[in-house]
Amino acid sequence: MNRKTVDFPGFVHAVRLKRDDVPDFAEYPFSIPAVRGLDTLDLDPKITFLIGENGAGKSTLIEAIAVAAGFNAEGGTRNFRFATRRSESDLHHHLRLVRTARRLDGFFLRAESLFNVATQIDNLDELALYRIDQQPQPAVHVRLSDSVPAGDNGQLP
């Protein structure tokens, strides 16, 4: 594999499916096309696009990579440990991330759970206001729910 040296330590360079650990390729999530054919997925240091039909497994794979990297499945930073409903697969247990070193920062956001992440951030900010001993410090400097426009049905424009 000819790869240029990257000055971004901690970024994931490749994702490998531990095929010997897969219990059954006929069962979800291993039966979906993006996973069934996966051996090693090399990631470009600048940007990688996953393109495929609906149901091909793009979101399942991205979510599993994020969880394998230590992020909450619904989104946020590594410190977010909330769940409105467990929906992630066990695929993350069968992935090996190839990276130089672990980063301590980062953020994972999926469109399907943007509202849940924004609500969690708002709840953390409200909890900070009730602390008597300390000056309240917002969890995030910009409240996501105030900065993301939503239509009458709650959908993003």
N, C-alpha and C. Protein backbone atom coordinates (compact mmCIF):
# COMPACT_ATOMS: atom_id res chain seq x y z
N MET A 1 0.86 -1.17 0.00
CA MET A 1 0.00 0.00 0.00
C MET A 1 0.90 1.23 0.00
N ASN A 2 0.84 2.00 -1.07
CA ASN A 2 1.60 3.25 -1.15
C ASN A 2 0.74 4.38 -0.63
N ARG A 3 1.08 4.87 0.54
CA ARG A 3 0.31 5.96 1.15
C ARG A 3 1.27 7.07 1.52
N LYS A 4 0.88 8.29 1.20
CA LYS A 4 1.68 9.44 1.58
C LYS A 4 1.67 9.58 3.10
N THR A 5 2.74 10.11 3.65
CA THR A 5 2.76 10.40 5.08
C THR A 5 1.79 11.54 5.35
N VAL A 6 0.99 11.38 6.37
CA VAL A 6 -0.03 12.37 6.70
C VAL A 6 0.35 13.04 8.01
N ASP A 7 0.23 14.35 8.06
CA ASP A 7 0.55 15.09 9.27
C ASP A 7 -0.65 15.28 10.17
N PHE A 8 -1.58 14.38 10.13
CA PHE A 8 -2.78 14.45 10.96
C PHE A 8 -2.85 13.21 11.84
N PRO A 9 -2.09 13.16 12.93
CA PRO A 9 -2.09 11.97 13.76
C PRO A 9 -3.46 11.69 14.36
N GLY A 10 -3.84 10.44 14.34
CA GLY A 10 -5.09 10.06 14.95
C GLY A 10 -6.23 9.86 13.98
N PHE A 11 -6.07 10.33 12.78
CA PHE A 11 -7.12 10.09 11.81
C PHE A 11 -7.07 8.64 11.37
N VAL A 12 -8.22 8.11 11.05
CA VAL A 12 -8.32 6.73 10.60
C VAL A 12 -7.88 6.66 9.15
N HIS A 13 -6.92 5.79 8.86
CA HIS A 13 -6.39 5.64 7.50
C HIS A 13 -7.06 4.51 6.75
N ALA A 14 -7.54 3.51 7.50
CA ALA A 14 -8.20 2.36 6.87
C ALA A 14 -9.07 1.67 7.90
N VAL A 15 -10.01 0.89 7.39
CA VAL A 15 -10.90 0.10 8.23
C VAL A 15 -10.82 -1.33 7.71
N ARG A 16 -10.61 -2.25 8.63
CA ARG A 16 -10.52 -3.67 8.25
C ARG A 16 -11.61 -4.45 8.96
N LEU A 17 -12.26 -5.31 8.21
CA LEU A 17 -13.23 -6.22 8.79
C LEU A 17 -12.49 -7.46 9.25
N LYS A 18 -12.65 -7.81 10.52
CA LYS A 18 -12.03 -9.03 11.04
C LYS A 18 -12.91 -10.20 10.62
N ARG A 19 -12.72 -10.63 9.38
CA ARG A 19 -13.59 -11.62 8.75
C ARG A 19 -13.63 -12.94 9.51
N ASP A 20 -12.54 -13.33 10.14
CA ASP A 20 -12.52 -14.58 10.90
C ASP A 20 -13.41 -14.52 12.13
N ASP A 21 -13.72 -13.32 12.60
CA ASP A 21 -14.56 -13.14 13.79
C ASP A 21 -16.05 -13.04 13.46
N VAL A 22 -16.38 -12.93 12.18
CA VAL A 22 -17.78 -12.77 11.78
C VAL A 22 -18.53 -14.08 12.02
N PRO A 23 -19.61 -14.03 12.80
CA PRO A 23 -20.33 -15.27 13.10
C PRO A 23 -21.03 -15.89 11.90
N ASP A 24 -21.66 -15.05 11.04
CA ASP A 24 -22.41 -15.59 9.91
C ASP A 24 -22.64 -14.47 8.90
N PHE A 25 -22.11 -14.63 7.69
CA PHE A 25 -22.27 -13.60 6.66
C PHE A 25 -23.69 -13.57 6.09
N ALA A 26 -24.54 -14.50 6.50
CA ALA A 26 -25.93 -14.50 6.05
C ALA A 26 -26.82 -13.67 6.96
N GLU A 27 -26.28 -13.19 8.10
CA GLU A 27 -27.07 -12.42 9.05
C GLU A 27 -26.65 -10.96 9.05
N TYR A 28 -27.63 -10.09 9.41
CA TYR A 28 -27.37 -8.65 9.52
C TYR A 28 -26.40 -8.41 10.67
N PRO A 29 -25.47 -7.50 10.54
CA PRO A 29 -25.21 -6.56 9.45
C PRO A 29 -24.22 -7.10 8.42
N PHE A 30 -23.79 -8.33 8.59
CA PHE A 30 -22.74 -8.88 7.73
C PHE A 30 -23.26 -9.26 6.35
N SER A 31 -24.57 -9.32 6.19
CA SER A 31 -25.17 -9.69 4.91
C SER A 31 -25.37 -8.50 3.98
N ILE A 32 -25.26 -7.28 4.50
CA ILE A 32 -25.48 -6.11 3.64
C ILE A 32 -24.26 -5.91 2.74
N PRO A 33 -24.48 -5.42 1.53
CA PRO A 33 -23.40 -5.35 0.54
C PRO A 33 -22.13 -4.63 1.00
N ALA A 34 -22.25 -3.51 1.70
CA ALA A 34 -21.06 -2.74 2.10
C ALA A 34 -20.19 -3.52 3.07
N VAL A 35 -20.77 -4.45 3.79
CA VAL A 35 -20.02 -5.22 4.79
C VAL A 35 -19.62 -6.58 4.24
N ARG A 36 -20.52 -7.23 3.54
CA ARG A 36 -20.27 -8.58 3.02
C ARG A 36 -18.99 -8.63 2.17
N GLY A 37 -18.76 -7.60 1.37
CA GLY A 37 -17.59 -7.58 0.50
C GLY A 37 -16.39 -6.87 1.09
N LEU A 38 -16.48 -6.44 2.33
CA LEU A 38 -15.42 -5.63 2.94
C LEU A 38 -14.26 -6.49 3.42
N ASP A 39 -13.09 -6.09 3.06
CA ASP A 39 -11.86 -6.65 3.63
C ASP A 39 -11.13 -5.48 4.27
N THR A 40 -10.54 -4.61 3.45
CA THR A 40 -9.90 -3.38 3.92
C THR A 40 -10.43 -2.21 3.09
N LEU A 41 -10.87 -1.19 3.78
CA LEU A 41 -11.33 0.03 3.14
C LEU A 41 -10.31 1.11 3.44
N ASP A 42 -9.52 1.50 2.43
CA ASP A 42 -8.55 2.58 2.60
C ASP A 42 -9.28 3.91 2.53
N LEU A 43 -8.94 4.79 3.47
CA LEU A 43 -9.57 6.11 3.52
C LEU A 43 -8.56 7.17 3.11
N ASP A 44 -8.99 8.08 2.25
CA ASP A 44 -8.14 9.17 1.83
C ASP A 44 -7.92 10.10 3.02
N PRO A 45 -6.71 10.64 3.19
CA PRO A 45 -6.47 11.52 4.33
C PRO A 45 -7.26 12.83 4.29
N LYS A 46 -7.79 13.21 3.14
CA LYS A 46 -8.54 14.46 3.05
C LYS A 46 -10.04 14.22 3.08
N ILE A 47 -10.54 13.32 2.25
CA ILE A 47 -11.98 13.06 2.21
C ILE A 47 -12.24 11.73 1.53
N THR A 48 -13.23 11.03 2.02
CA THR A 48 -13.65 9.78 1.41
C THR A 48 -15.17 9.83 1.25
N PHE A 49 -15.66 9.47 0.09
CA PHE A 49 -17.10 9.41 -0.17
C PHE A 49 -17.53 7.96 -0.21
N LEU A 50 -18.63 7.65 0.43
CA LEU A 50 -19.26 6.35 0.32
C LEU A 50 -20.52 6.55 -0.50
N ILE A 51 -20.59 5.88 -1.64
CA ILE A 51 -21.71 6.06 -2.55
C ILE A 51 -22.33 4.69 -2.80
N GLY A 52 -23.64 4.63 -2.71
CA GLY A 52 -24.32 3.37 -2.97
C GLY A 52 -25.82 3.53 -2.88
N GLU A 53 -26.52 2.50 -3.29
CA GLU A 53 -27.97 2.47 -3.25
C GLU A 53 -28.47 2.49 -1.81
N ASN A 54 -29.73 2.86 -1.63
CA ASN A 54 -30.36 2.75 -0.32
C ASN A 54 -30.30 1.30 0.13
N GLY A 55 -29.93 1.10 1.38
CA GLY A 55 -29.85 -0.25 1.91
C GLY A 55 -28.54 -0.95 1.66
N ALA A 56 -27.59 -0.24 1.03
CA ALA A 56 -26.29 -0.86 0.73
C ALA A 56 -25.41 -0.96 1.96
N GLY A 57 -25.71 -0.18 3.02
CA GLY A 57 -24.95 -0.28 4.26
C GLY A 57 -24.01 0.87 4.54
N LYS A 58 -24.15 1.98 3.83
CA LYS A 58 -23.27 3.13 4.03
C LYS A 58 -23.37 3.66 5.46
N SER A 59 -24.59 3.93 5.91
CA SER A 59 -24.78 4.47 7.26
C SER A 59 -24.39 3.47 8.33
N THR A 60 -24.68 2.21 8.11
CA THR A 60 -24.31 1.17 9.08
C THR A 60 -22.80 1.12 9.24
N LEU A 61 -22.07 1.21 8.13
CA LEU A 61 -20.61 1.18 8.17
C LEU A 61 -20.04 2.42 8.86
N ILE A 62 -20.56 3.60 8.51
CA ILE A 62 -20.08 4.86 9.12
C ILE A 62 -20.32 4.83 10.63
N GLU A 63 -21.51 4.41 11.03
CA GLU A 63 -21.83 4.34 12.46
C GLU A 63 -20.91 3.37 13.18
N ALA A 64 -20.64 2.22 12.59
CA ALA A 64 -19.76 1.23 13.21
C ALA A 64 -18.33 1.76 13.33
N ILE A 65 -17.87 2.50 12.35
CA ILE A 65 -16.54 3.11 12.42
C ILE A 65 -16.49 4.11 13.57
N ALA A 66 -17.53 4.93 13.69
CA ALA A 66 -17.59 5.93 14.77
C ALA A 66 -17.59 5.25 16.14
N VAL A 67 -18.39 4.21 16.31
CA VAL A 67 -18.45 3.51 17.60
C VAL A 67 -17.12 2.83 17.89
N ALA A 68 -16.51 2.23 16.87
CA ALA A 68 -15.20 1.60 17.06
C ALA A 68 -14.14 2.63 17.45
N ALA A 69 -14.33 3.88 17.02
CA ALA A 69 -13.39 4.96 17.37
C ALA A 69 -13.69 5.56 18.74
N GLY A 70 -14.75 5.08 19.40
CA GLY A 70 -15.05 5.53 20.75
C GLY A 70 -16.16 6.55 20.87
N PHE A 71 -16.87 6.81 19.77
CA PHE A 71 -17.96 7.78 19.82
C PHE A 71 -19.27 7.12 20.19
N ASN A 72 -20.19 7.94 20.69
CA ASN A 72 -21.54 7.49 20.99
C ASN A 72 -22.24 7.19 19.67
N ALA A 73 -23.00 6.12 19.61
CA ALA A 73 -23.66 5.73 18.36
C ALA A 73 -24.64 6.77 17.85
N GLU A 74 -25.24 7.54 18.75
CA GLU A 74 -26.20 8.55 18.31
C GLU A 74 -25.54 9.86 17.94
N GLY A 75 -24.27 10.01 18.26
CA GLY A 75 -23.57 11.22 17.89
C GLY A 75 -23.02 11.97 19.08
N GLY A 76 -22.24 12.98 18.79
CA GLY A 76 -21.63 13.81 19.82
C GLY A 76 -20.15 13.51 19.97
N THR A 77 -19.61 13.91 21.11
CA THR A 77 -18.19 13.67 21.39
C THR A 77 -18.04 12.31 22.06
N ARG A 78 -16.81 11.96 22.41
CA ARG A 78 -16.59 10.70 23.12
C ARG A 78 -17.20 10.73 24.52
N ASN A 79 -17.46 11.91 25.05
CA ASN A 79 -18.04 12.04 26.39
C ASN A 79 -19.56 11.89 26.39
N PHE A 80 -20.18 11.89 25.25
CA PHE A 80 -21.63 11.73 25.19
C PHE A 80 -21.95 10.26 25.35
N ARG A 81 -22.70 9.92 26.39
CA ARG A 81 -23.07 8.53 26.63
C ARG A 81 -24.57 8.45 26.89
N PHE A 82 -25.36 9.00 26.00
CA PHE A 82 -26.80 8.93 26.13
C PHE A 82 -27.34 8.05 25.02
N ALA A 83 -28.52 7.54 25.21
CA ALA A 83 -29.17 6.75 24.18
C ALA A 83 -30.67 6.94 24.31
N THR A 84 -31.31 7.31 23.21
CA THR A 84 -32.76 7.38 23.22
C THR A 84 -33.35 6.02 22.90
N ARG A 85 -32.67 5.30 22.03
CA ARG A 85 -33.06 3.94 21.68
C ARG A 85 -31.87 3.27 21.01
N ARG A 86 -31.43 2.15 21.53
CA ARG A 86 -30.29 1.46 20.93
C ARG A 86 -30.69 0.95 19.55
N SER A 87 -29.95 1.39 18.56
CA SER A 87 -30.27 0.96 17.20
C SER A 87 -29.03 0.52 16.43
N GLU A 88 -27.85 0.67 17.04
CA GLU A 88 -26.64 0.32 16.32
C GLU A 88 -26.44 -1.19 16.26
N SER A 89 -25.75 -1.63 15.24
CA SER A 89 -25.45 -3.05 15.09
C SER A 89 -24.20 -3.39 15.90
N ASP A 90 -23.83 -4.65 15.91
CA ASP A 90 -22.61 -5.09 16.58
C ASP A 90 -21.40 -5.07 15.65
N LEU A 91 -21.55 -4.47 14.49
CA LEU A 91 -20.46 -4.45 13.51
C LEU A 91 -19.18 -3.86 14.07
N HIS A 92 -19.28 -2.85 14.94
CA HIS A 92 -18.08 -2.19 15.48
C HIS A 92 -17.16 -3.17 16.21
N HIS A 93 -17.72 -4.25 16.75
CA HIS A 93 -16.90 -5.26 17.43
C HIS A 93 -16.02 -6.04 16.45
N HIS A 94 -16.36 -5.99 15.17
CA HIS A 94 -15.67 -6.78 14.16
C HIS A 94 -14.82 -5.93 13.22
N LEU A 95 -14.62 -4.67 13.60
CA LEU A 95 -13.79 -3.77 12.78
C LEU A 95 -12.48 -3.48 13.49
N ARG A 96 -11.45 -3.31 12.70
CA ARG A 96 -10.16 -2.83 13.22
C ARG A 96 -9.84 -1.54 12.49
N LEU A 97 -9.66 -0.46 13.25
CA LEU A 97 -9.32 0.82 12.66
C LEU A 97 -7.81 0.94 12.56
N VAL A 98 -7.33 1.35 11.42
CA VAL A 98 -5.90 1.55 11.20
C VAL A 98 -5.65 3.05 11.30
N ARG A 99 -4.90 3.46 12.31
CA ARG A 99 -4.62 4.88 12.54
C ARG A 99 -3.26 5.00 13.22
N THR A 100 -2.74 6.22 13.22
CA THR A 100 -1.42 6.43 13.81
C THR A 100 -1.48 6.48 15.32
N ALA A 101 -2.36 7.28 15.86
CA ALA A 101 -2.50 7.41 17.31
C ALA A 101 -3.93 7.86 17.59
N ARG A 102 -4.37 7.64 18.79
CA ARG A 102 -5.74 8.05 19.15
C ARG A 102 -5.79 9.54 19.42
N ARG A 103 -6.81 10.17 18.86
CA ARG A 103 -7.07 11.58 19.15
C ARG A 103 -8.00 11.65 20.34
N LEU A 104 -7.87 12.69 21.11
CA LEU A 104 -8.73 12.87 22.27
C LEU A 104 -9.98 13.68 21.94
N ASP A 105 -9.94 14.37 20.80
CA ASP A 105 -11.09 15.18 20.43
C ASP A 105 -11.78 14.58 19.22
N GLY A 106 -12.88 15.13 18.87
CA GLY A 106 -13.61 14.67 17.70
C GLY A 106 -15.10 14.81 17.93
N PHE A 107 -15.85 14.63 16.88
CA PHE A 107 -17.30 14.76 16.95
C PHE A 107 -17.90 13.90 15.86
N PHE A 108 -18.92 13.14 16.20
CA PHE A 108 -19.65 12.31 15.24
C PHE A 108 -21.08 12.79 15.21
N LEU A 109 -21.59 13.06 14.04
CA LEU A 109 -22.96 13.54 13.92
C LEU A 109 -23.63 12.84 12.75
N ARG A 110 -24.75 12.24 13.03
CA ARG A 110 -25.52 11.59 11.97
C ARG A 110 -26.82 12.36 11.79
N ALA A 111 -27.27 12.47 10.58
CA ALA A 111 -28.48 13.23 10.29
C ALA A 111 -29.68 12.67 11.04
N GLU A 112 -29.74 11.36 11.18
CA GLU A 112 -30.89 10.72 11.81
C GLU A 112 -31.04 11.10 13.28
N SER A 113 -29.96 11.48 13.93
CA SER A 113 -30.05 11.76 15.37
C SER A 113 -29.60 13.18 15.73
N LEU A 114 -29.59 14.08 14.76
CA LEU A 114 -29.21 15.47 15.03
C LEU A 114 -30.07 16.07 16.14
N PHE A 115 -31.38 15.86 16.09
CA PHE A 115 -32.26 16.40 17.11
C PHE A 115 -31.91 15.86 18.49
N ASN A 116 -31.60 14.55 18.59
CA ASN A 116 -31.26 13.95 19.88
C ASN A 116 -29.98 14.54 20.45
N VAL A 117 -28.98 14.76 19.61
CA VAL A 117 -27.72 15.35 20.06
C VAL A 117 -27.94 16.79 20.51
N ALA A 118 -28.71 17.57 19.73
CA ALA A 118 -28.99 18.96 20.09
C ALA A 118 -29.76 19.03 21.41
N THR A 119 -30.71 18.13 21.60
CA THR A 119 -31.47 18.10 22.86
C THR A 119 -30.57 17.74 24.03
N GLN A 120 -29.66 16.79 23.84
CA GLN A 120 -28.74 16.41 24.91
C GLN A 120 -27.83 17.58 25.29
N ILE A 121 -27.35 18.32 24.31
CA ILE A 121 -26.51 19.48 24.59
C ILE A 121 -27.30 20.53 25.35
N ASP A 122 -28.55 20.78 24.93
CA ASP A 122 -29.40 21.74 25.64
C ASP A 122 -29.64 21.28 27.07
N ASN A 123 -29.89 19.99 27.28
CA ASN A 123 -30.10 19.46 28.64
C ASN A 123 -28.86 19.64 29.51
N LEU A 124 -27.69 19.43 28.94
CA LEU A 124 -26.45 19.63 29.70
C LEU A 124 -26.29 21.09 30.09
N ASP A 125 -26.65 22.00 29.19
CA ASP A 125 -26.58 23.43 29.50
C ASP A 125 -27.56 23.78 30.62
N GLU A 126 -28.75 23.23 30.58
CA GLU A 126 -29.74 23.51 31.62
C GLU A 126 -29.29 22.96 32.97
N LEU A 127 -28.67 21.78 32.97
CA LEU A 127 -28.14 21.24 34.22
C LEU A 127 -27.07 22.14 34.80
N ALA A 128 -26.26 22.72 33.94
CA ALA A 128 -25.19 23.60 34.41
C ALA A 128 -25.76 24.83 35.11
N LEU A 129 -26.93 25.27 34.69
CA LEU A 129 -27.55 26.45 35.30
C LEU A 129 -28.02 26.17 36.73
N TYR A 130 -28.26 24.92 37.08
CA TYR A 130 -28.74 24.56 38.41
C TYR A 130 -27.62 24.31 39.42
N ARG A 131 -26.39 24.35 38.97
CA ARG A 131 -25.27 24.14 39.88
C ARG A 131 -25.02 25.41 40.67
N ILE A 132 -25.12 25.32 41.96
CA ILE A 132 -24.98 26.49 42.82
C ILE A 132 -23.52 26.83 43.07
N ASP A 133 -22.67 25.81 43.16
CA ASP A 133 -21.28 26.00 43.53
C ASP A 133 -20.43 26.63 42.44
N GLN A 134 -20.85 26.53 41.19
CA GLN A 134 -19.99 26.92 40.08
C GLN A 134 -20.70 27.91 39.17
N GLN A 135 -19.91 28.62 38.41
CA GLN A 135 -20.45 29.44 37.34
C GLN A 135 -20.89 28.48 36.24
N PRO A 136 -22.06 28.66 35.70
CA PRO A 136 -22.49 27.75 34.63
C PRO A 136 -21.61 27.89 33.40
N GLN A 137 -21.19 26.77 32.88
CA GLN A 137 -20.39 26.72 31.66
C GLN A 137 -21.19 25.93 30.63
N PRO A 138 -21.52 26.54 29.50
CA PRO A 138 -22.29 25.80 28.51
C PRO A 138 -21.52 24.60 27.98
N ALA A 139 -22.23 23.51 27.71
CA ALA A 139 -21.60 22.31 27.17
C ALA A 139 -21.01 22.59 25.80
N VAL A 140 -21.69 23.39 25.03
CA VAL A 140 -21.21 23.80 23.71
C VAL A 140 -21.54 25.28 23.60
N HIS A 141 -20.65 26.05 23.04
CA HIS A 141 -20.84 27.50 23.01
C HIS A 141 -22.02 27.93 22.17
N VAL A 142 -22.41 27.14 21.19
CA VAL A 142 -23.57 27.44 20.37
C VAL A 142 -24.58 26.34 20.61
N ARG A 143 -25.79 26.72 20.96
CA ARG A 143 -26.84 25.72 21.17
C ARG A 143 -27.29 25.24 19.80
N LEU A 144 -27.10 23.95 19.55
CA LEU A 144 -27.42 23.42 18.23
C LEU A 144 -28.88 23.59 17.87
N SER A 145 -29.77 23.42 18.84
CA SER A 145 -31.19 23.52 18.52
C SER A 145 -31.58 24.94 18.11
N ASP A 146 -30.83 25.95 18.56
CA ASP A 146 -31.11 27.32 18.18
C ASP A 146 -30.46 27.70 16.85
N SER A 147 -29.43 26.96 16.46
CA SER A 147 -28.69 27.33 15.26
C SER A 147 -29.09 26.52 14.04
N VAL A 148 -29.88 25.47 14.22
CA VAL A 148 -30.30 24.64 13.10
C VAL A 148 -31.75 24.95 12.79
N PRO A 149 -32.02 25.54 11.62
CA PRO A 149 -33.42 25.85 11.29
C PRO A 149 -34.20 24.57 11.03
N ALA A 150 -35.42 24.54 11.46
CA ALA A 150 -36.28 23.38 11.22
C ALA A 150 -37.60 23.87 10.65
N GLY A 151 -38.18 23.06 9.78
CA GLY A 151 -39.48 23.39 9.24
C GLY A 151 -40.57 23.05 10.23
N ASP A 152 -41.83 23.25 9.82
CA ASP A 152 -42.95 22.97 10.71
C ASP A 152 -43.00 21.52 11.14
N ASN A 153 -42.49 20.61 10.31
CA ASN A 153 -42.53 19.19 10.63
C ASN A 153 -41.25 18.72 11.32
N GLY A 154 -40.33 19.65 11.66
CA GLY A 154 -39.10 19.28 12.34
C GLY A 154 -37.99 18.83 11.41
N GLN A 155 -38.26 18.78 10.11
CA GLN A 155 -37.25 18.36 9.15
C GLN A 155 -36.34 19.52 8.81
N LEU A 156 -35.08 19.20 8.57
CA LEU A 156 -34.14 20.24 8.16
C LEU A 156 -34.46 20.64 6.73
N PRO A 157 -34.23 21.91 6.39
CA PRO A 157 -34.53 22.37 5.03
C PRO A 157 -33.60 21.74 4.02
